[in-house]
């Protein structure tokens, strides 16, 4: 059983957990010191050493962000799949994306996938979309994969995005050139798609990662 914390130790532990949840990585000693008005990194280290001794942290020496929170059993999913702790991001899987319908409307959600926050920040409001078709196989995105999409990032030239083109949702590479927009497939069997002025076009978000299960 872990030993009881002082009020200050508990405040610092909560701050570290919240920092990891929001940023995907732990704070530095200076960031902790600034938050709690501790003037020296030695003073911060004393608190971290106490948290480590009591079984709440692992601290890697000589590493800028070498703080690792030790998770209890309740930090992990229970057998029903419910998440009991903020260490994980539970990202909704969008089963379908309909034109004119909010992406994360309840009727569009088809389950969820758990992503470690070191890969994508919780603040990005990401969602997962199941890939249909083989137009992106040259960059390792295959039919049935889940792409993790950040709607807060609309992408730049060359990025892989999820876009709405008229009534169709598509995963393609974004090409911006001379004021023109093209959606570039990554499969030699497909041709680029030119976005015309009369098309109803919008970028839903940038693809940040791919999740795949192997049978």
N, C-alpha and C. Protein backbone atom coordinates (compact mmCIF):
# COMPACT_ATOMS: atom_id res chain seq x y z
N UNK A 1 0.84 -1.20 0.00
CA UNK A 1 0.00 0.00 0.00
C UNK A 1 0.88 1.25 0.00
N UNK A 2 0.50 2.22 -0.80
CA UNK A 2 1.26 3.45 -0.86
C UNK A 2 1.09 4.27 0.43
N UNK A 3 2.15 4.98 0.79
CA UNK A 3 2.12 5.79 2.01
C UNK A 3 1.35 7.08 1.79
N UNK A 4 0.78 7.60 2.85
CA UNK A 4 -0.02 8.81 2.78
C UNK A 4 0.84 10.02 2.42
N UNK A 5 0.27 10.93 1.63
CA UNK A 5 1.00 12.12 1.18
C UNK A 5 0.68 13.32 2.06
N UNK A 6 1.63 14.25 2.10
CA UNK A 6 1.34 15.55 2.69
C UNK A 6 0.48 16.34 1.70
N UNK A 7 -0.11 17.43 2.18
CA UNK A 7 -0.95 18.25 1.30
C UNK A 7 -0.15 18.75 0.10
N UNK A 8 1.06 19.23 0.32
CA UNK A 8 1.87 19.75 -0.77
C UNK A 8 2.27 18.65 -1.76
N UNK A 9 2.64 17.47 -1.24
CA UNK A 9 2.98 16.36 -2.12
C UNK A 9 1.80 15.96 -2.98
N UNK A 10 0.61 15.95 -2.39
CA UNK A 10 -0.60 15.60 -3.14
C UNK A 10 -0.89 16.64 -4.22
N UNK A 11 -0.69 17.93 -3.90
CA UNK A 11 -0.91 18.99 -4.88
C UNK A 11 0.05 18.84 -6.06
N UNK A 12 1.31 18.52 -5.77
CA UNK A 12 2.30 18.36 -6.84
C UNK A 12 1.97 17.15 -7.69
N UNK A 13 1.56 16.05 -7.06
CA UNK A 13 1.20 14.85 -7.81
C UNK A 13 0.01 15.12 -8.73
N UNK A 14 -1.00 15.82 -8.23
CA UNK A 14 -2.18 16.16 -9.05
C UNK A 14 -1.76 17.03 -10.23
N UNK A 15 -0.86 18.01 -9.97
CA UNK A 15 -0.38 18.88 -11.04
C UNK A 15 0.33 18.08 -12.12
N UNK A 16 1.17 17.12 -11.72
CA UNK A 16 1.91 16.30 -12.69
C UNK A 16 0.93 15.49 -13.54
N UNK A 17 -0.07 14.88 -12.88
CA UNK A 17 -1.06 14.09 -13.62
C UNK A 17 -1.81 14.95 -14.62
N UNK A 18 -2.25 16.14 -14.19
CA UNK A 18 -3.01 17.02 -15.08
C UNK A 18 -2.14 17.52 -16.22
N UNK A 19 -0.87 17.79 -15.93
CA UNK A 19 0.06 18.25 -16.97
C UNK A 19 0.23 17.17 -18.04
N UNK A 20 0.41 15.92 -17.60
CA UNK A 20 0.57 14.81 -18.55
C UNK A 20 -0.69 14.63 -19.38
N UNK A 21 -1.85 14.72 -18.73
CA UNK A 21 -3.12 14.54 -19.42
C UNK A 21 -3.31 15.60 -20.51
N UNK A 22 -2.93 16.84 -20.22
CA UNK A 22 -3.15 17.93 -21.16
C UNK A 22 -2.09 18.02 -22.24
N UNK A 23 -0.85 17.60 -21.93
CA UNK A 23 0.26 17.81 -22.86
C UNK A 23 0.84 16.54 -23.46
N UNK A 24 0.58 15.41 -22.81
CA UNK A 24 1.11 14.16 -23.32
C UNK A 24 2.52 13.84 -22.84
N UNK A 25 3.11 14.69 -22.00
CA UNK A 25 4.43 14.46 -21.45
C UNK A 25 4.51 15.14 -20.08
N UNK A 26 5.45 14.73 -19.21
CA UNK A 26 5.51 15.28 -17.85
C UNK A 26 6.17 16.65 -17.81
N UNK A 27 5.93 17.41 -16.74
CA UNK A 27 6.57 18.72 -16.59
C UNK A 27 8.04 18.59 -16.20
N UNK A 28 8.79 19.65 -16.42
CA UNK A 28 10.17 19.72 -15.93
C UNK A 28 10.16 20.18 -14.48
N UNK A 29 11.32 20.08 -13.83
CA UNK A 29 11.44 20.56 -12.45
C UNK A 29 11.15 22.06 -12.38
N UNK A 30 11.62 22.80 -13.38
CA UNK A 30 11.39 24.25 -13.37
C UNK A 30 9.91 24.58 -13.54
N UNK A 31 9.20 23.82 -14.35
CA UNK A 31 7.76 24.06 -14.52
C UNK A 31 7.00 23.77 -13.24
N UNK A 32 7.42 22.74 -12.53
CA UNK A 32 6.80 22.45 -11.23
C UNK A 32 7.13 23.56 -10.24
N UNK A 33 8.40 23.98 -10.23
CA UNK A 33 8.81 25.05 -9.31
C UNK A 33 8.06 26.34 -9.57
N UNK A 34 7.86 26.68 -10.84
CA UNK A 34 7.13 27.90 -11.19
C UNK A 34 5.69 27.82 -10.72
N UNK A 35 5.07 26.64 -10.90
CA UNK A 35 3.66 26.48 -10.51
C UNK A 35 3.49 26.63 -9.00
N UNK A 36 4.45 26.13 -8.22
CA UNK A 36 4.30 26.14 -6.76
C UNK A 36 5.21 27.15 -6.06
N UNK A 37 5.81 28.04 -6.86
CA UNK A 37 6.67 29.10 -6.33
C UNK A 37 7.78 28.53 -5.45
N UNK A 38 8.40 27.46 -5.96
CA UNK A 38 9.57 26.88 -5.30
C UNK A 38 10.79 27.39 -6.04
N UNK A 39 11.63 28.11 -5.36
CA UNK A 39 12.68 28.89 -6.03
C UNK A 39 13.80 28.04 -6.63
N UNK A 40 14.06 26.86 -6.09
CA UNK A 40 15.18 26.06 -6.57
C UNK A 40 14.70 24.70 -7.07
N UNK A 41 15.41 24.18 -8.06
CA UNK A 41 15.08 22.84 -8.55
C UNK A 41 15.38 21.79 -7.47
N UNK A 42 16.31 22.08 -6.59
CA UNK A 42 16.61 21.16 -5.48
C UNK A 42 15.39 21.02 -4.58
N UNK A 43 14.70 22.15 -4.35
CA UNK A 43 13.49 22.10 -3.53
C UNK A 43 12.41 21.24 -4.17
N UNK A 44 12.27 21.35 -5.50
CA UNK A 44 11.31 20.52 -6.22
C UNK A 44 11.71 19.06 -6.13
N UNK A 45 13.01 18.79 -6.30
CA UNK A 45 13.49 17.42 -6.28
C UNK A 45 13.23 16.74 -4.95
N UNK A 46 13.27 17.48 -3.89
CA UNK A 46 12.99 16.91 -2.56
C UNK A 46 11.56 16.36 -2.52
N UNK A 47 10.62 17.11 -3.10
CA UNK A 47 9.23 16.64 -3.13
C UNK A 47 9.10 15.42 -4.04
N UNK A 48 9.79 15.44 -5.19
CA UNK A 48 9.72 14.31 -6.11
C UNK A 48 10.36 13.07 -5.50
N UNK A 49 11.45 13.26 -4.78
CA UNK A 49 12.10 12.12 -4.10
C UNK A 49 11.15 11.49 -3.09
N UNK A 50 10.40 12.35 -2.37
CA UNK A 50 9.44 11.84 -1.39
C UNK A 50 8.32 11.07 -2.08
N UNK A 51 7.83 11.61 -3.22
CA UNK A 51 6.78 10.93 -3.98
C UNK A 51 7.27 9.60 -4.55
N UNK A 52 8.53 9.58 -4.94
CA UNK A 52 9.11 8.34 -5.46
C UNK A 52 9.27 7.31 -4.34
N UNK A 53 9.73 7.76 -3.19
CA UNK A 53 9.93 6.87 -2.04
C UNK A 53 8.61 6.27 -1.56
N UNK A 54 7.54 7.06 -1.69
CA UNK A 54 6.22 6.59 -1.24
C UNK A 54 5.49 5.78 -2.31
N UNK A 55 6.12 5.62 -3.49
CA UNK A 55 5.58 4.73 -4.50
C UNK A 55 4.65 5.36 -5.51
N UNK A 56 4.70 6.70 -5.66
CA UNK A 56 3.80 7.38 -6.59
C UNK A 56 4.46 7.75 -7.91
N UNK A 57 5.80 7.85 -7.92
CA UNK A 57 6.53 8.26 -9.12
C UNK A 57 7.76 7.41 -9.33
N UNK A 58 8.20 7.36 -10.57
CA UNK A 58 9.57 6.98 -10.91
C UNK A 58 10.21 8.21 -11.53
N UNK A 59 11.42 8.55 -11.08
CA UNK A 59 12.11 9.73 -11.60
C UNK A 59 13.43 9.29 -12.20
N UNK A 60 13.62 9.58 -13.49
CA UNK A 60 14.85 9.24 -14.19
C UNK A 60 15.84 10.39 -14.01
N UNK A 61 17.01 10.08 -13.49
CA UNK A 61 18.03 11.11 -13.26
C UNK A 61 18.56 11.66 -14.59
N UNK A 62 18.94 12.93 -14.58
CA UNK A 62 19.56 13.60 -15.73
C UNK A 62 18.67 13.62 -16.97
N UNK A 63 17.37 13.57 -16.77
CA UNK A 63 16.44 13.68 -17.89
C UNK A 63 15.54 14.88 -17.65
N UNK A 64 15.36 15.71 -18.68
CA UNK A 64 14.57 16.94 -18.53
C UNK A 64 13.14 16.65 -18.11
N UNK A 65 12.55 15.64 -18.74
CA UNK A 65 11.15 15.27 -18.43
C UNK A 65 11.09 13.80 -18.02
N UNK A 66 11.88 13.47 -17.02
CA UNK A 66 12.04 12.07 -16.63
C UNK A 66 11.13 11.63 -15.52
N UNK A 67 9.94 12.23 -15.40
CA UNK A 67 9.00 11.86 -14.35
C UNK A 67 7.97 10.89 -14.93
N UNK A 68 7.78 9.77 -14.27
CA UNK A 68 6.78 8.78 -14.70
C UNK A 68 5.87 8.46 -13.52
N UNK A 69 4.58 8.70 -13.69
CA UNK A 69 3.61 8.40 -12.63
C UNK A 69 3.36 6.90 -12.59
N UNK A 70 3.45 6.32 -11.41
CA UNK A 70 3.16 4.90 -11.24
C UNK A 70 1.66 4.73 -11.11
N UNK A 71 1.10 3.89 -11.97
CA UNK A 71 -0.35 3.73 -12.04
C UNK A 71 -0.81 2.60 -11.13
N UNK A 72 -1.91 2.83 -10.45
CA UNK A 72 -2.55 1.78 -9.67
C UNK A 72 -3.44 0.94 -10.56
N UNK A 73 -4.00 -0.12 -10.01
CA UNK A 73 -4.91 -0.97 -10.77
C UNK A 73 -6.10 -0.18 -11.31
N UNK A 74 -6.54 0.80 -10.51
CA UNK A 74 -7.71 1.55 -10.96
C UNK A 74 -7.40 2.50 -12.10
N UNK A 75 -6.12 2.61 -12.49
CA UNK A 75 -5.76 3.43 -13.63
C UNK A 75 -6.04 2.73 -14.96
N UNK A 76 -6.38 1.45 -14.92
CA UNK A 76 -6.54 0.67 -16.13
C UNK A 76 -8.00 0.33 -16.37
N UNK A 77 -8.35 -0.09 -17.58
CA UNK A 77 -9.73 -0.46 -17.85
C UNK A 77 -10.16 -1.65 -17.00
N UNK A 78 -11.40 -1.64 -16.52
CA UNK A 78 -11.93 -2.83 -15.87
C UNK A 78 -12.46 -3.77 -16.93
N UNK A 79 -12.99 -4.93 -16.54
CA UNK A 79 -13.36 -5.94 -17.50
C UNK A 79 -14.51 -5.50 -18.39
N UNK A 80 -15.25 -4.47 -17.95
CA UNK A 80 -16.34 -3.97 -18.79
C UNK A 80 -15.87 -2.95 -19.79
N UNK A 81 -14.57 -2.57 -19.70
CA UNK A 81 -14.03 -1.61 -20.65
C UNK A 81 -14.13 -0.17 -20.19
N UNK A 82 -14.62 0.08 -19.00
CA UNK A 82 -14.74 1.45 -18.52
C UNK A 82 -13.40 1.96 -18.03
N UNK A 83 -13.09 3.20 -18.35
CA UNK A 83 -11.81 3.78 -17.95
C UNK A 83 -11.99 4.52 -16.63
N UNK A 84 -11.07 4.26 -15.70
CA UNK A 84 -11.23 4.80 -14.36
C UNK A 84 -10.27 5.93 -14.05
N UNK A 85 -9.44 6.33 -15.03
CA UNK A 85 -8.42 7.32 -14.72
C UNK A 85 -8.09 8.18 -15.92
N UNK A 86 -7.56 9.36 -15.64
CA UNK A 86 -7.28 10.32 -16.69
C UNK A 86 -6.03 10.00 -17.49
N UNK A 87 -5.33 8.89 -17.19
CA UNK A 87 -4.10 8.58 -17.91
C UNK A 87 -4.35 8.15 -19.35
N UNK A 88 -5.60 7.81 -19.68
CA UNK A 88 -5.90 7.35 -21.02
C UNK A 88 -6.86 8.30 -21.71
N UNK A 89 -6.72 8.41 -23.01
CA UNK A 89 -7.68 9.15 -23.82
C UNK A 89 -8.64 8.16 -24.47
N UNK A 90 -9.92 8.31 -24.19
CA UNK A 90 -10.93 7.46 -24.79
C UNK A 90 -11.49 8.22 -25.99
N UNK A 91 -11.09 7.79 -27.20
CA UNK A 91 -11.41 8.52 -28.41
C UNK A 91 -12.59 7.85 -29.12
N UNK A 92 -13.64 8.60 -29.45
CA UNK A 92 -14.79 8.00 -30.11
C UNK A 92 -14.46 7.57 -31.54
N UNK A 93 -15.03 6.44 -31.94
CA UNK A 93 -14.92 5.97 -33.32
C UNK A 93 -16.16 6.44 -34.07
N UNK A 94 -15.95 7.17 -35.14
CA UNK A 94 -17.06 7.66 -35.95
C UNK A 94 -17.41 6.58 -36.98
N UNK A 95 -18.60 6.04 -36.86
CA UNK A 95 -19.01 4.99 -37.78
C UNK A 95 -19.35 5.52 -39.15
N UNK A 96 -19.88 6.74 -39.19
CA UNK A 96 -20.21 7.34 -40.48
C UNK A 96 -20.13 8.86 -40.34
N UNK A 97 -19.85 9.53 -41.43
CA UNK A 97 -19.80 10.99 -41.44
C UNK A 97 -20.75 11.46 -42.53
N UNK A 98 -21.83 12.11 -42.13
CA UNK A 98 -22.83 12.55 -43.09
C UNK A 98 -22.71 14.05 -43.31
N UNK A 99 -22.90 14.49 -44.54
CA UNK A 99 -22.85 15.91 -44.85
C UNK A 99 -23.91 16.64 -44.04
N UNK A 100 -23.53 17.76 -43.45
CA UNK A 100 -24.47 18.57 -42.69
C UNK A 100 -24.72 18.09 -41.28
N UNK A 101 -24.10 16.97 -40.90
CA UNK A 101 -24.30 16.42 -39.56
C UNK A 101 -23.03 16.62 -38.74
N UNK A 102 -23.15 17.06 -37.48
CA UNK A 102 -21.95 17.21 -36.65
C UNK A 102 -21.19 15.90 -36.55
N UNK A 103 -19.87 15.98 -36.65
CA UNK A 103 -19.03 14.78 -36.69
C UNK A 103 -19.28 13.89 -35.49
N UNK A 104 -19.33 14.49 -34.29
CA UNK A 104 -19.43 13.69 -33.08
C UNK A 104 -20.85 13.65 -32.54
N UNK A 105 -21.84 13.79 -33.41
CA UNK A 105 -23.23 13.59 -32.98
C UNK A 105 -23.39 12.14 -32.53
N UNK A 106 -24.24 11.94 -31.52
CA UNK A 106 -24.38 10.63 -30.91
C UNK A 106 -24.68 9.54 -31.93
N UNK A 107 -25.50 9.85 -32.94
CA UNK A 107 -25.88 8.82 -33.90
C UNK A 107 -24.74 8.42 -34.82
N UNK A 108 -23.64 9.20 -34.81
CA UNK A 108 -22.49 8.86 -35.66
C UNK A 108 -21.47 7.98 -34.95
N UNK A 109 -21.56 7.86 -33.62
CA UNK A 109 -20.53 7.19 -32.84
C UNK A 109 -20.74 5.67 -32.86
N UNK A 110 -19.63 4.96 -33.10
CA UNK A 110 -19.68 3.51 -33.20
C UNK A 110 -18.57 2.91 -32.35
N UNK A 111 -18.61 3.16 -31.04
CA UNK A 111 -17.60 2.63 -30.13
C UNK A 111 -16.51 3.63 -29.83
N UNK A 112 -15.40 3.13 -29.27
CA UNK A 112 -14.29 4.00 -28.90
C UNK A 112 -12.99 3.21 -28.91
N UNK A 113 -11.88 3.93 -28.92
CA UNK A 113 -10.56 3.32 -28.89
C UNK A 113 -9.73 4.07 -27.86
N UNK A 114 -8.88 3.34 -27.13
CA UNK A 114 -8.08 3.94 -26.07
C UNK A 114 -6.70 4.28 -26.63
N UNK A 115 -6.29 5.55 -26.47
CA UNK A 115 -5.00 6.03 -26.96
C UNK A 115 -4.23 6.63 -25.80
N UNK A 116 -2.97 6.23 -25.66
CA UNK A 116 -2.12 6.82 -24.62
C UNK A 116 -1.91 8.30 -24.92
N UNK A 117 -2.02 9.18 -23.90
CA UNK A 117 -1.90 10.62 -24.16
C UNK A 117 -0.52 11.07 -24.61
N UNK A 118 0.49 10.18 -24.54
CA UNK A 118 1.80 10.56 -25.08
C UNK A 118 1.77 10.62 -26.60
N UNK A 119 0.75 10.01 -27.23
CA UNK A 119 0.63 10.03 -28.68
C UNK A 119 -0.23 11.19 -29.17
N UNK A 120 -1.26 11.52 -28.44
CA UNK A 120 -2.13 12.63 -28.86
C UNK A 120 -2.73 13.27 -27.63
N UNK A 121 -2.74 14.60 -27.60
CA UNK A 121 -3.22 15.33 -26.44
C UNK A 121 -4.74 15.25 -26.33
N UNK A 122 -5.20 15.18 -25.10
CA UNK A 122 -6.65 15.13 -24.88
C UNK A 122 -7.33 16.39 -25.40
N UNK A 123 -6.60 17.53 -25.32
CA UNK A 123 -7.19 18.80 -25.74
C UNK A 123 -7.44 18.88 -27.24
N UNK A 124 -6.90 17.93 -28.01
CA UNK A 124 -7.10 17.97 -29.45
C UNK A 124 -8.49 17.50 -29.88
N UNK A 125 -9.27 16.94 -28.94
CA UNK A 125 -10.63 16.49 -29.25
C UNK A 125 -10.65 15.54 -30.43
N UNK A 126 -9.70 14.63 -30.45
CA UNK A 126 -9.54 13.73 -31.58
C UNK A 126 -10.67 12.70 -31.65
N UNK A 127 -10.84 12.14 -32.83
CA UNK A 127 -11.75 11.03 -33.01
C UNK A 127 -11.11 10.05 -34.00
N UNK A 128 -11.66 8.85 -34.05
CA UNK A 128 -11.15 7.82 -34.96
C UNK A 128 -12.16 7.57 -36.06
N UNK A 129 -11.66 7.32 -37.25
CA UNK A 129 -12.52 7.07 -38.41
C UNK A 129 -12.01 5.81 -39.11
N UNK A 130 -12.92 4.87 -39.39
CA UNK A 130 -12.52 3.63 -40.04
C UNK A 130 -12.35 3.87 -41.55
N UNK A 131 -11.23 3.41 -42.08
CA UNK A 131 -10.89 3.65 -43.49
C UNK A 131 -11.64 2.68 -44.39
N UNK A 132 -12.17 3.22 -45.47
CA UNK A 132 -12.79 2.41 -46.51
C UNK A 132 -12.01 2.60 -47.81
N UNK A 133 -11.67 1.50 -48.46
CA UNK A 133 -10.94 1.59 -49.72
C UNK A 133 -9.44 1.47 -49.54
N UNK A 134 -8.73 1.48 -50.68
CA UNK A 134 -7.28 1.23 -50.69
C UNK A 134 -6.49 2.37 -51.32
N UNK A 135 -7.04 3.57 -51.31
CA UNK A 135 -6.39 4.67 -52.03
C UNK A 135 -5.16 5.23 -51.32
N UNK A 136 -4.86 4.76 -50.08
CA UNK A 136 -3.71 5.31 -49.35
C UNK A 136 -2.73 4.22 -48.93
N UNK A 137 -2.72 3.10 -49.64
CA UNK A 137 -1.90 1.97 -49.20
C UNK A 137 -0.40 2.24 -49.29
N UNK A 138 0.01 3.16 -50.16
CA UNK A 138 1.44 3.45 -50.31
C UNK A 138 2.03 4.18 -49.11
N UNK A 139 1.17 4.71 -48.23
CA UNK A 139 1.66 5.33 -47.00
C UNK A 139 1.21 4.52 -45.79
N UNK A 140 0.86 3.26 -46.03
CA UNK A 140 0.59 2.36 -44.92
C UNK A 140 -0.77 2.50 -44.28
N UNK A 141 -1.74 3.03 -45.02
CA UNK A 141 -3.10 3.13 -44.52
C UNK A 141 -3.97 2.20 -45.35
N UNK A 142 -4.55 1.18 -44.68
CA UNK A 142 -5.27 0.13 -45.39
C UNK A 142 -6.74 0.11 -44.99
N UNK A 143 -7.54 -0.53 -45.82
CA UNK A 143 -8.96 -0.64 -45.54
C UNK A 143 -9.18 -1.35 -44.20
N UNK A 144 -10.06 -0.78 -43.38
CA UNK A 144 -10.34 -1.33 -42.07
C UNK A 144 -9.53 -0.70 -40.95
N UNK A 145 -8.44 0.02 -41.31
CA UNK A 145 -7.66 0.73 -40.29
C UNK A 145 -8.49 1.83 -39.65
N UNK A 146 -8.10 2.20 -38.44
CA UNK A 146 -8.65 3.39 -37.81
C UNK A 146 -7.63 4.51 -37.94
N UNK A 147 -8.01 5.62 -38.55
CA UNK A 147 -7.14 6.79 -38.55
C UNK A 147 -7.57 7.70 -37.40
N UNK A 148 -6.59 8.22 -36.68
CA UNK A 148 -6.85 9.14 -35.58
C UNK A 148 -6.77 10.56 -36.13
N UNK A 149 -7.86 11.30 -35.99
CA UNK A 149 -8.01 12.60 -36.64
C UNK A 149 -8.12 13.71 -35.60
N UNK A 150 -7.35 14.77 -35.81
CA UNK A 150 -7.45 15.97 -34.96
C UNK A 150 -8.22 17.05 -35.71
N UNK A 151 -9.45 17.34 -35.29
CA UNK A 151 -10.24 18.35 -36.00
C UNK A 151 -9.74 19.77 -35.74
N UNK A 152 -8.86 19.94 -34.76
CA UNK A 152 -8.30 21.27 -34.47
C UNK A 152 -7.17 21.63 -35.42
N UNK A 153 -6.71 20.67 -36.20
CA UNK A 153 -5.61 20.89 -37.15
C UNK A 153 -6.14 20.58 -38.55
N UNK A 154 -6.24 21.60 -39.38
CA UNK A 154 -6.78 21.41 -40.73
C UNK A 154 -5.72 21.03 -41.76
N UNK A 155 -4.49 20.90 -41.31
CA UNK A 155 -3.44 20.42 -42.20
C UNK A 155 -2.84 21.50 -43.08
N UNK A 156 -1.69 21.18 -43.63
CA UNK A 156 -1.02 22.07 -44.58
C UNK A 156 -0.62 21.25 -45.80
N UNK A 157 -0.01 21.89 -46.75
CA UNK A 157 0.35 21.22 -47.99
C UNK A 157 1.17 19.96 -47.72
N UNK A 158 0.71 18.84 -48.25
CA UNK A 158 1.42 17.58 -48.08
C UNK A 158 0.92 16.72 -46.94
N UNK A 159 0.11 17.28 -46.04
CA UNK A 159 -0.40 16.51 -44.91
C UNK A 159 -1.50 15.55 -45.36
N UNK A 160 -1.64 14.46 -44.62
CA UNK A 160 -2.75 13.54 -44.84
C UNK A 160 -3.94 14.03 -44.03
N UNK A 161 -5.07 14.19 -44.69
CA UNK A 161 -6.24 14.78 -44.05
C UNK A 161 -7.47 13.91 -44.29
N UNK A 162 -8.51 14.19 -43.52
CA UNK A 162 -9.85 13.68 -43.80
C UNK A 162 -10.66 14.87 -44.29
N UNK A 163 -11.26 14.73 -45.45
CA UNK A 163 -11.99 15.84 -46.05
C UNK A 163 -13.41 15.41 -46.42
N UNK A 164 -14.30 16.40 -46.43
CA UNK A 164 -15.66 16.20 -46.94
C UNK A 164 -15.72 16.84 -48.31
N UNK A 165 -15.99 16.04 -49.33
CA UNK A 165 -16.12 16.54 -50.70
C UNK A 165 -17.52 16.20 -51.17
N UNK A 166 -18.35 17.26 -51.26
CA UNK A 166 -19.78 17.07 -51.51
C UNK A 166 -20.34 16.14 -50.42
N UNK A 167 -20.86 14.97 -50.75
CA UNK A 167 -21.43 14.09 -49.73
C UNK A 167 -20.51 12.94 -49.35
N UNK A 168 -19.25 13.01 -49.79
CA UNK A 168 -18.33 11.89 -49.57
C UNK A 168 -17.20 12.31 -48.64
N UNK A 169 -16.87 11.41 -47.70
CA UNK A 169 -15.72 11.61 -46.83
C UNK A 169 -14.55 10.81 -47.37
N UNK A 170 -13.38 11.44 -47.43
CA UNK A 170 -12.24 10.77 -48.03
C UNK A 170 -10.97 11.07 -47.25
N UNK A 171 -10.05 10.11 -47.23
CA UNK A 171 -8.72 10.29 -46.64
C UNK A 171 -7.73 10.43 -47.78
N UNK A 172 -7.07 11.57 -47.85
CA UNK A 172 -6.14 11.83 -48.95
C UNK A 172 -5.02 12.75 -48.46
N UNK A 173 -4.01 12.91 -49.30
CA UNK A 173 -2.96 13.90 -49.05
C UNK A 173 -3.42 15.23 -49.65
N UNK A 174 -3.22 16.31 -48.90
CA UNK A 174 -3.67 17.63 -49.32
C UNK A 174 -2.60 18.32 -50.16
N UNK A 175 -2.98 18.77 -51.35
CA UNK A 175 -2.06 19.54 -52.20
C UNK A 175 -2.63 20.93 -52.41
N UNK A 176 -1.89 21.93 -52.00
CA UNK A 176 -2.26 23.34 -52.20
C UNK A 176 -1.23 23.96 -53.12
N UNK A 177 -1.66 24.38 -54.32
CA UNK A 177 -0.71 24.89 -55.31
C UNK A 177 -1.38 25.93 -56.18
N UNK A 178 -0.79 27.12 -56.20
CA UNK A 178 -1.28 28.22 -57.04
C UNK A 178 -2.76 28.52 -56.81
N UNK A 179 -3.17 28.44 -55.55
CA UNK A 179 -4.55 28.72 -55.21
C UNK A 179 -5.51 27.59 -55.49
N UNK A 180 -5.00 26.47 -56.00
CA UNK A 180 -5.84 25.31 -56.31
C UNK A 180 -5.68 24.23 -55.24
N UNK A 181 -6.72 23.43 -55.07
CA UNK A 181 -6.70 22.35 -54.09
C UNK A 181 -6.88 21.03 -54.83
N UNK A 182 -5.99 20.08 -54.53
CA UNK A 182 -6.16 18.72 -55.05
C UNK A 182 -6.00 17.73 -53.90
N UNK A 183 -6.75 16.64 -53.99
CA UNK A 183 -6.66 15.56 -53.02
C UNK A 183 -5.91 14.42 -53.69
N UNK A 184 -4.74 14.08 -53.13
CA UNK A 184 -3.83 13.15 -53.79
C UNK A 184 -3.91 11.77 -53.13
N UNK A 185 -4.31 10.75 -53.89
CA UNK A 185 -4.28 9.38 -53.36
C UNK A 185 -2.85 8.87 -53.32
N UNK A 186 -2.60 7.92 -52.48
CA UNK A 186 -1.29 7.28 -52.39
C UNK A 186 -1.41 5.82 -52.84
N UNK A 187 -1.87 5.69 -54.08
CA UNK A 187 -2.01 4.40 -54.73
C UNK A 187 -2.00 4.69 -56.23
N UNK A 188 -1.07 4.07 -56.95
CA UNK A 188 -0.88 4.38 -58.36
C UNK A 188 -2.10 4.07 -59.22
N UNK A 189 -3.04 3.33 -58.68
CA UNK A 189 -4.24 2.98 -59.45
C UNK A 189 -5.30 4.08 -59.42
N UNK A 190 -5.06 5.15 -58.66
CA UNK A 190 -6.05 6.22 -58.52
C UNK A 190 -5.47 7.55 -59.01
N UNK A 191 -6.35 8.41 -59.50
CA UNK A 191 -5.95 9.72 -59.98
C UNK A 191 -6.25 10.80 -58.94
N UNK A 192 -5.48 11.88 -58.91
CA UNK A 192 -5.78 13.00 -58.01
C UNK A 192 -7.17 13.57 -58.27
N UNK A 193 -7.76 14.11 -57.24
CA UNK A 193 -9.08 14.71 -57.33
C UNK A 193 -8.93 16.23 -57.22
N UNK A 194 -9.33 16.95 -58.25
CA UNK A 194 -9.28 18.41 -58.23
C UNK A 194 -10.55 18.93 -57.56
N UNK A 195 -10.38 19.82 -56.60
CA UNK A 195 -11.52 20.43 -55.92
C UNK A 195 -11.95 21.67 -56.72
N UNK A 196 -13.15 21.63 -57.25
CA UNK A 196 -13.66 22.73 -58.06
C UNK A 196 -14.44 23.72 -57.19
N UNK A 197 -14.65 24.91 -57.74
CA UNK A 197 -15.34 25.95 -57.00
C UNK A 197 -16.78 25.57 -56.66
N UNK A 198 -17.38 24.75 -57.48
CA UNK A 198 -18.76 24.37 -57.22
C UNK A 198 -18.89 23.16 -56.29
N UNK A 199 -17.74 22.62 -55.85
CA UNK A 199 -17.78 21.52 -54.89
C UNK A 199 -18.03 22.03 -53.48
N UNK A 200 -18.76 21.27 -52.71
CA UNK A 200 -18.91 21.53 -51.27
C UNK A 200 -17.75 20.84 -50.57
N UNK A 201 -16.72 21.61 -50.23
CA UNK A 201 -15.48 21.02 -49.74
C UNK A 201 -15.11 21.60 -48.38
N UNK A 202 -14.67 20.72 -47.48
CA UNK A 202 -14.14 21.17 -46.18
C UNK A 202 -13.17 20.13 -45.65
N UNK A 203 -12.17 20.60 -44.93
CA UNK A 203 -11.22 19.70 -44.27
C UNK A 203 -11.76 19.40 -42.87
N UNK A 204 -12.01 18.13 -42.60
CA UNK A 204 -12.51 17.73 -41.28
C UNK A 204 -11.39 17.75 -40.25
N UNK A 205 -10.21 17.31 -40.64
CA UNK A 205 -9.08 17.32 -39.71
C UNK A 205 -7.87 16.62 -40.29
N UNK A 206 -6.77 16.74 -39.58
CA UNK A 206 -5.51 16.13 -39.99
C UNK A 206 -5.38 14.74 -39.36
N UNK A 207 -4.91 13.79 -40.15
CA UNK A 207 -4.65 12.44 -39.65
C UNK A 207 -3.36 12.45 -38.83
N UNK A 208 -3.46 12.04 -37.55
CA UNK A 208 -2.30 12.04 -36.67
C UNK A 208 -1.71 10.66 -36.45
N UNK A 209 -2.47 9.61 -36.78
CA UNK A 209 -1.95 8.27 -36.57
C UNK A 209 -2.89 7.23 -37.12
N UNK A 210 -2.42 5.99 -37.09
CA UNK A 210 -3.19 4.86 -37.61
C UNK A 210 -3.18 3.75 -36.57
N UNK A 211 -4.34 3.13 -36.35
CA UNK A 211 -4.45 1.99 -35.45
C UNK A 211 -4.90 0.79 -36.27
N UNK A 212 -4.21 -0.32 -36.07
CA UNK A 212 -4.54 -1.52 -36.86
C UNK A 212 -4.43 -2.75 -35.95
N UNK A 213 -5.39 -3.66 -36.08
CA UNK A 213 -5.34 -4.94 -35.40
C UNK A 213 -5.01 -6.01 -36.40
N UNK A 214 -4.09 -6.93 -36.04
CA UNK A 214 -3.72 -8.01 -36.93
C UNK A 214 -4.40 -9.29 -36.48
N UNK A 215 -5.05 -9.97 -37.42
CA UNK A 215 -5.75 -11.23 -37.09
C UNK A 215 -4.74 -12.38 -37.05
